[in-house]
Amino acid sequence: MAAVFHRLAPNGLMPDREAFATRKQYVDGVYSSLTWPANQPMCMHHELSYALEFPGMMLFACLEAPSAGGVTGVADARTVLDALPEDLVRRFEHEGWLLARSYNEDIGASYEEAFGVSDRAAVESYCRDHEIEFEWQSDGELRTRQRRPAVVRHPLTGDRCWFNQVAFLNEWTIAPEIREYLVDVYGPDGLPFNTRFGNGDPIDEDVITLLNEVYEAHTLRTPWEVGDLMVVDNVRMAHSREAYEGPREILVGMAEPQRVFDLVTTVQEDVR
């Protein structure tokens, strides 16, 4: 299957950088799906939409299908954008969105895994090169913030697309009992990840609920079967992963790198 991925991506597969959870690497550019609890869904998102450079194409292949659930759903980002309230879209389009991350040894990817470097100076250099604000805590924990556009134009069609991870990485999408535990242990500013409006204002729970409801209304689902291959336009389509039972093994490849600020709409050119 790795050979198929490389045939579909003649310009090469991308390394995984800035992931919020760990992956297993099989061969160069071919990974497992993110390490994420089987009983917790991964809500709709566009892969690495918070990075300066993200994959324009996602490749998925099924080596082992779960006994129940585990579907990789997709949703058209143009349709989702059209279904959202105009005032909400206008705010996100003008301000962008903010991703705040706290790296620790207990949850998610460490900064060494996310950035591919371990030396503090190299981490700081990576952050500066990728327009990520950073702050070291007294206990050695790293906290970062990065502001990105929430709506982009498709690189080929020019269509406006809702393109972000505002809902998936927000505190209100985390299961309530898990969120309560994380806040109790790490504090409200120490969550592994959280999203805000581009100006730093918190996003209310009802906004996140609305976003997830709109995604759900426009989600297409096809159960995995062994040998299935899925090719996803990562700008045009958001994708998700449902909770599942039994073993599940999906290969992932990323290709056709795009730079997010090359795709911003005219109205949000000040996001940067």
Protein backbone atom coordinates (compact mmCIF):
# COMPACT_ATOMS: atom_id res chain seq x y z
CA MET A 1 0.00 0.00 0.00
CA ALA A 2 2.94 2.33 0.59
CA ALA A 3 3.85 1.89 -3.08
CA VAL A 4 0.31 2.94 -4.04
CA PHE A 5 0.61 6.07 -1.90
CA HIS A 6 3.85 7.00 -3.63
CA ARG A 7 2.29 6.43 -7.07
CA LEU A 8 -0.56 8.77 -6.15
CA ALA A 9 1.89 11.37 -4.82
CA PRO A 10 4.63 11.57 -7.48
CA ASN A 11 6.11 14.69 -5.87
CA GLY A 12 6.59 12.83 -2.60
CA LEU A 13 4.86 12.36 0.73
CA MET A 14 5.11 14.91 3.53
CA PRO A 15 6.59 14.28 6.98
CA ASP A 16 4.16 14.62 9.87
CA ARG A 17 4.85 17.82 11.85
CA GLU A 18 2.91 19.61 14.60
CA ALA A 19 0.52 16.68 15.17
CA PHE A 20 -1.49 16.95 18.40
CA ALA A 21 -1.25 13.19 19.04
CA THR A 22 1.32 10.53 18.18
CA ARG A 23 1.48 8.36 15.08
CA LYS A 24 3.46 5.25 14.26
CA GLN A 25 5.65 5.63 11.17
CA TYR A 26 5.75 2.55 8.93
CA VAL A 27 8.04 3.90 6.20
CA ASP A 28 8.95 7.43 5.11
CA GLY A 29 5.73 9.40 4.70
CA VAL A 30 3.41 6.53 5.63
CA TYR A 31 1.89 6.62 9.11
CA SER A 32 -0.74 5.07 11.30
CA SER A 33 -3.81 7.11 12.15
CA LEU A 34 -3.45 9.33 15.22
CA THR A 35 -3.33 7.67 18.62
CA TRP A 36 -6.77 8.53 19.96
CA PRO A 37 -9.08 6.61 22.32
CA ALA A 38 -11.30 4.20 20.38
CA ASN A 39 -14.38 5.26 22.34
CA GLN A 40 -13.84 8.97 21.60
CA PRO A 41 -14.73 10.35 18.15
CA MET A 42 -12.42 12.67 16.25
CA CYS A 43 -14.66 15.49 15.08
CA MET A 44 -14.53 17.06 11.64
CA HIS A 45 -11.31 18.85 10.78
CA HIS A 46 -8.89 19.67 7.99
CA GLU A 47 -5.53 18.01 8.57
CA LEU A 48 -2.89 20.42 9.92
CA SER A 49 -5.03 23.47 9.13
CA TYR A 50 -3.17 25.20 11.98
CA ALA A 51 0.25 24.74 10.32
CA LEU A 52 1.84 27.18 7.88
CA GLU A 53 2.28 24.30 5.44
CA PHE A 54 -0.38 21.63 5.27
CA PRO A 55 -1.20 18.70 2.96
CA GLY A 56 -3.49 19.50 0.06
CA MET A 57 -4.21 15.80 -0.33
CA MET A 58 -4.80 13.07 2.27
CA LEU A 59 -4.44 9.36 1.53
CA PHE A 60 -6.08 6.68 3.67
CA ALA A 61 -5.95 2.90 3.26
CA CYS A 62 -7.61 0.22 5.36
CA LEU A 63 -5.47 -2.69 6.53
CA GLU A 64 -7.89 -3.83 9.22
CA ALA A 65 -11.52 -2.76 9.54
CA PRO A 66 -13.11 -2.47 13.00
CA SER A 67 -16.00 -4.70 14.00
CA ALA A 68 -18.21 -1.63 14.54
CA GLY A 69 -17.91 2.09 13.83
CA GLY A 70 -14.61 3.70 12.92
CA VAL A 71 -15.92 5.34 9.76
CA THR A 72 -13.85 8.18 8.28
CA GLY A 73 -16.61 10.65 7.45
CA VAL A 74 -16.22 13.58 5.05
CA ALA A 75 -17.99 16.93 4.72
CA ASP A 76 -17.83 19.50 1.90
CA ALA A 77 -16.19 22.67 3.26
CA ARG A 78 -18.04 24.91 0.79
CA THR A 79 -21.43 23.55 1.87
CA VAL A 80 -20.49 23.85 5.53
CA LEU A 81 -19.45 27.48 5.02
CA ASP A 82 -22.73 28.30 3.29
CA ALA A 83 -24.71 26.73 6.15
CA LEU A 84 -23.05 28.79 8.89
CA PRO A 85 -24.48 32.12 10.13
CA GLU A 86 -23.11 35.03 8.12
CA ASP A 87 -22.11 37.06 11.18
CA LEU A 88 -20.10 34.15 12.60
CA VAL A 89 -18.34 33.55 9.28
CA ARG A 90 -17.63 37.27 8.95
CA ARG A 91 -15.95 37.39 12.35
CA PHE A 92 -13.79 34.33 11.71
CA GLU A 93 -12.95 35.56 8.23
CA HIS A 94 -11.75 38.92 9.56
CA GLU A 95 -10.00 37.67 12.72
CA GLY A 96 -8.98 34.13 11.88
CA TRP A 97 -8.71 31.61 14.70
CA LEU A 98 -6.19 30.92 17.42
CA LEU A 99 -4.82 27.55 18.53
CA ALA A 100 -3.31 27.40 22.01
CA ARG A 101 -1.30 24.30 22.95
CA SER A 102 0.36 23.10 26.14
CA TYR A 103 2.91 20.35 25.72
CA ASN A 104 3.47 17.98 28.62
CA GLU A 105 4.67 14.43 29.17
CA ASP A 106 1.23 13.00 29.93
CA ILE A 107 -1.16 13.81 27.08
CA GLY A 108 -0.82 14.04 23.32
CA ALA A 109 2.36 14.56 21.35
CA SER A 110 5.36 16.03 23.15
CA TYR A 111 7.02 19.04 21.57
CA GLU A 112 9.89 16.77 20.54
CA GLU A 113 7.44 14.59 18.61
CA ALA A 114 5.48 17.52 17.21
CA PHE A 115 8.41 19.59 15.96
CA GLY A 116 10.89 16.81 15.27
CA VAL A 117 13.56 18.47 17.46
CA SER A 118 14.41 18.22 21.15
CA ASP A 119 16.91 20.99 21.85
CA ARG A 120 15.21 24.10 23.28
CA ALA A 121 17.02 26.43 20.90
CA ALA A 122 15.89 24.29 17.95
CA VAL A 123 12.30 24.32 19.24
CA GLU A 124 12.38 28.10 19.50
CA SER A 125 13.85 28.37 16.01
CA TYR A 126 11.11 26.13 14.63
CA CYS A 127 8.45 28.25 16.30
CA ARG A 128 9.86 31.50 14.93
CA ASP A 129 10.15 30.04 11.42
CA HIS A 130 6.53 28.84 11.54
CA GLU A 131 4.96 31.93 13.12
CA ILE A 132 4.20 30.27 16.45
CA GLU A 133 4.35 32.26 19.68
CA PHE A 134 5.97 30.29 22.49
CA GLU A 135 6.51 30.52 26.23
CA TRP A 136 8.42 28.17 28.52
CA GLN A 137 6.85 27.53 31.92
CA SER A 138 8.84 27.22 35.14
CA ASP A 139 8.37 23.44 35.14
CA GLY A 140 9.75 23.13 31.59
CA GLU A 141 6.34 22.87 29.96
CA LEU A 142 6.01 24.60 26.59
CA ARG A 143 2.94 26.65 25.68
CA THR A 144 2.33 27.95 22.16
CA ARG A 145 -0.19 30.07 20.26
CA GLN A 146 -0.65 30.32 16.51
CA ARG A 147 -3.12 32.45 14.58
CA ARG A 148 -4.39 31.15 11.26
CA PRO A 149 -7.09 31.96 8.70
CA ALA A 150 -10.45 30.20 9.17
CA VAL A 151 -11.63 30.54 5.56
CA VAL A 152 -9.43 29.96 2.51
CA ARG A 153 -9.82 29.81 -1.24
CA HIS A 154 -9.30 26.45 -2.92
CA PRO A 155 -5.96 26.54 -4.79
CA LEU A 156 -7.52 25.24 -8.05
CA THR A 157 -11.15 26.37 -8.08
CA GLY A 158 -10.92 29.53 -6.00
CA ASP A 159 -14.01 28.46 -4.01
CA ARG A 160 -14.25 29.81 -0.46
CA CYS A 161 -13.93 26.93 2.02
CA TRP A 162 -14.41 26.70 5.78
CA PHE A 163 -10.91 25.47 6.68
CA ASN A 164 -9.81 25.08 10.29
CA GLN A 165 -9.94 22.94 13.43
CA VAL A 166 -11.89 25.42 15.53
CA ALA A 167 -14.46 22.85 16.70
CA PHE A 168 -12.35 19.70 16.99
CA LEU A 169 -9.56 21.18 19.12
CA ASN A 170 -11.82 23.29 21.32
CA GLU A 171 -12.34 22.53 25.01
CA TRP A 172 -16.12 22.15 24.52
CA THR A 173 -15.66 19.23 22.12
CA ILE A 174 -13.78 17.26 24.78
CA ALA A 175 -15.99 14.82 26.71
CA PRO A 176 -17.22 16.69 29.83
CA GLU A 177 -15.67 14.30 32.35
CA ILE A 178 -12.30 14.42 30.55
CA ARG A 179 -12.40 18.22 30.26
CA GLU A 180 -13.19 18.52 33.97
CA TYR A 181 -10.26 16.27 34.85
CA LEU A 182 -7.84 18.17 32.57
CA VAL A 183 -8.87 21.56 33.94
CA ASP A 184 -8.51 20.25 37.50
CA VAL A 185 -5.00 18.89 36.84
CA TYR A 186 -3.56 21.47 34.43
CA GLY A 187 -5.74 24.55 34.94
CA PRO A 188 -7.89 26.31 32.30
CA ASP A 189 -4.83 27.68 30.49
CA GLY A 190 -2.95 24.38 30.55
CA LEU A 191 -5.24 22.24 28.39
CA PRO A 192 -3.33 20.22 25.78
CA PHE A 193 -5.12 22.23 23.09
CA ASN A 194 -7.86 24.81 22.83
CA THR A 195 -9.13 27.23 20.21
CA ARG A 196 -10.20 30.87 20.39
CA PHE A 197 -11.33 33.65 18.10
CA GLY A 198 -8.43 35.28 16.34
CA ASN A 199 -8.38 38.21 18.75
CA GLY A 200 -7.98 35.84 21.71
CA ASP A 201 -11.58 35.87 22.94
CA PRO A 202 -12.90 32.50 24.16
CA ILE A 203 -15.40 30.68 21.95
CA ASP A 204 -18.70 29.94 23.69
CA GLU A 205 -19.95 26.38 23.96
CA ASP A 206 -23.01 27.17 21.84
CA VAL A 207 -20.78 28.20 18.91
CA ILE A 208 -18.88 24.90 19.08
CA THR A 209 -22.17 23.00 19.33
CA LEU A 210 -23.44 24.82 16.24
CA LEU A 211 -20.28 24.05 14.25
CA ASN A 212 -20.47 20.36 15.10
CA GLU A 213 -24.19 20.24 14.26
CA VAL A 214 -23.56 21.81 10.85
CA TYR A 215 -20.77 19.33 10.19
CA GLU A 216 -23.05 16.45 11.21
CA ALA A 217 -25.80 17.62 8.87
CA HIS A 218 -23.37 17.49 5.92
CA THR A 219 -21.39 14.35 6.75
CA LEU A 220 -21.12 11.46 4.30
CA ARG A 221 -20.18 8.04 5.67
CA THR A 222 -19.04 4.76 4.12
CA PRO A 223 -17.87 1.89 6.39
CA TRP A 224 -14.31 0.72 5.88
CA GLU A 225 -13.53 -2.63 4.27
CA VAL A 226 -10.08 -4.18 4.13
CA GLY A 227 -8.22 -2.93 1.05
CA ASP A 228 -10.23 0.28 0.70
CA LEU A 229 -8.37 3.39 -0.44
CA MET A 230 -9.66 6.91 0.20
CA VAL A 231 -8.19 10.04 -1.41
CA VAL A 232 -9.35 13.29 0.19
CA ASP A 233 -8.92 16.87 -1.03
CA ASN A 234 -7.90 18.38 2.32
CA VAL A 235 -9.09 21.89 1.44
CA ARG A 236 -12.41 20.95 -0.15
CA MET A 237 -13.32 18.24 2.37
CA ALA A 238 -13.12 18.00 6.15
CA HIS A 239 -12.82 14.51 7.60
CA SER A 240 -13.56 12.80 10.92
CA ARG A 241 -13.24 9.46 12.67
CA GLU A 242 -16.08 7.82 14.55
CA ALA A 243 -15.69 5.84 17.75
CA TYR A 244 -15.19 2.13 17.09
CA GLU A 245 -14.93 -1.37 18.51
CA GLY A 246 -12.33 -4.01 17.73
CA PRO A 247 -8.92 -3.59 16.06
CA ARG A 248 -8.66 -0.84 13.43
CA GLU A 249 -5.61 -0.10 11.28
CA ILE A 250 -5.68 2.72 8.73
CA LEU A 251 -2.61 3.90 6.85
CA VAL A 252 -2.25 7.66 6.35
CA GLY A 253 -0.21 9.65 3.85
CA MET A 254 -0.01 13.41 3.25
CA ALA A 255 0.92 15.04 -0.04
CA GLU A 256 0.73 18.17 -2.22
CA PRO A 257 1.91 20.74 0.35
CA GLN A 258 0.12 24.09 0.43
CA ARG A 259 0.95 27.27 2.35
CA VAL A 260 -2.09 28.50 4.21
CA PHE A 261 -1.43 32.22 3.85
CA ASP A 262 -1.24 31.80 0.06
CA LEU A 263 -4.93 30.87 0.15
CA VAL A 264 -6.43 33.57 2.36
CA THR A 265 -9.51 35.42 1.12
CA THR A 266 -9.23 39.15 0.42
CA VAL A 267 -11.35 40.11 3.43
CA GLN A 268 -8.94 38.47 5.88
CA GLU A 269 -5.56 39.56 4.55
CA ASP A 270 -4.90 41.19 7.94
CA VAL A 271 -5.14 37.85 9.80
CA ARG A 272 -1.41 37.51 9.72
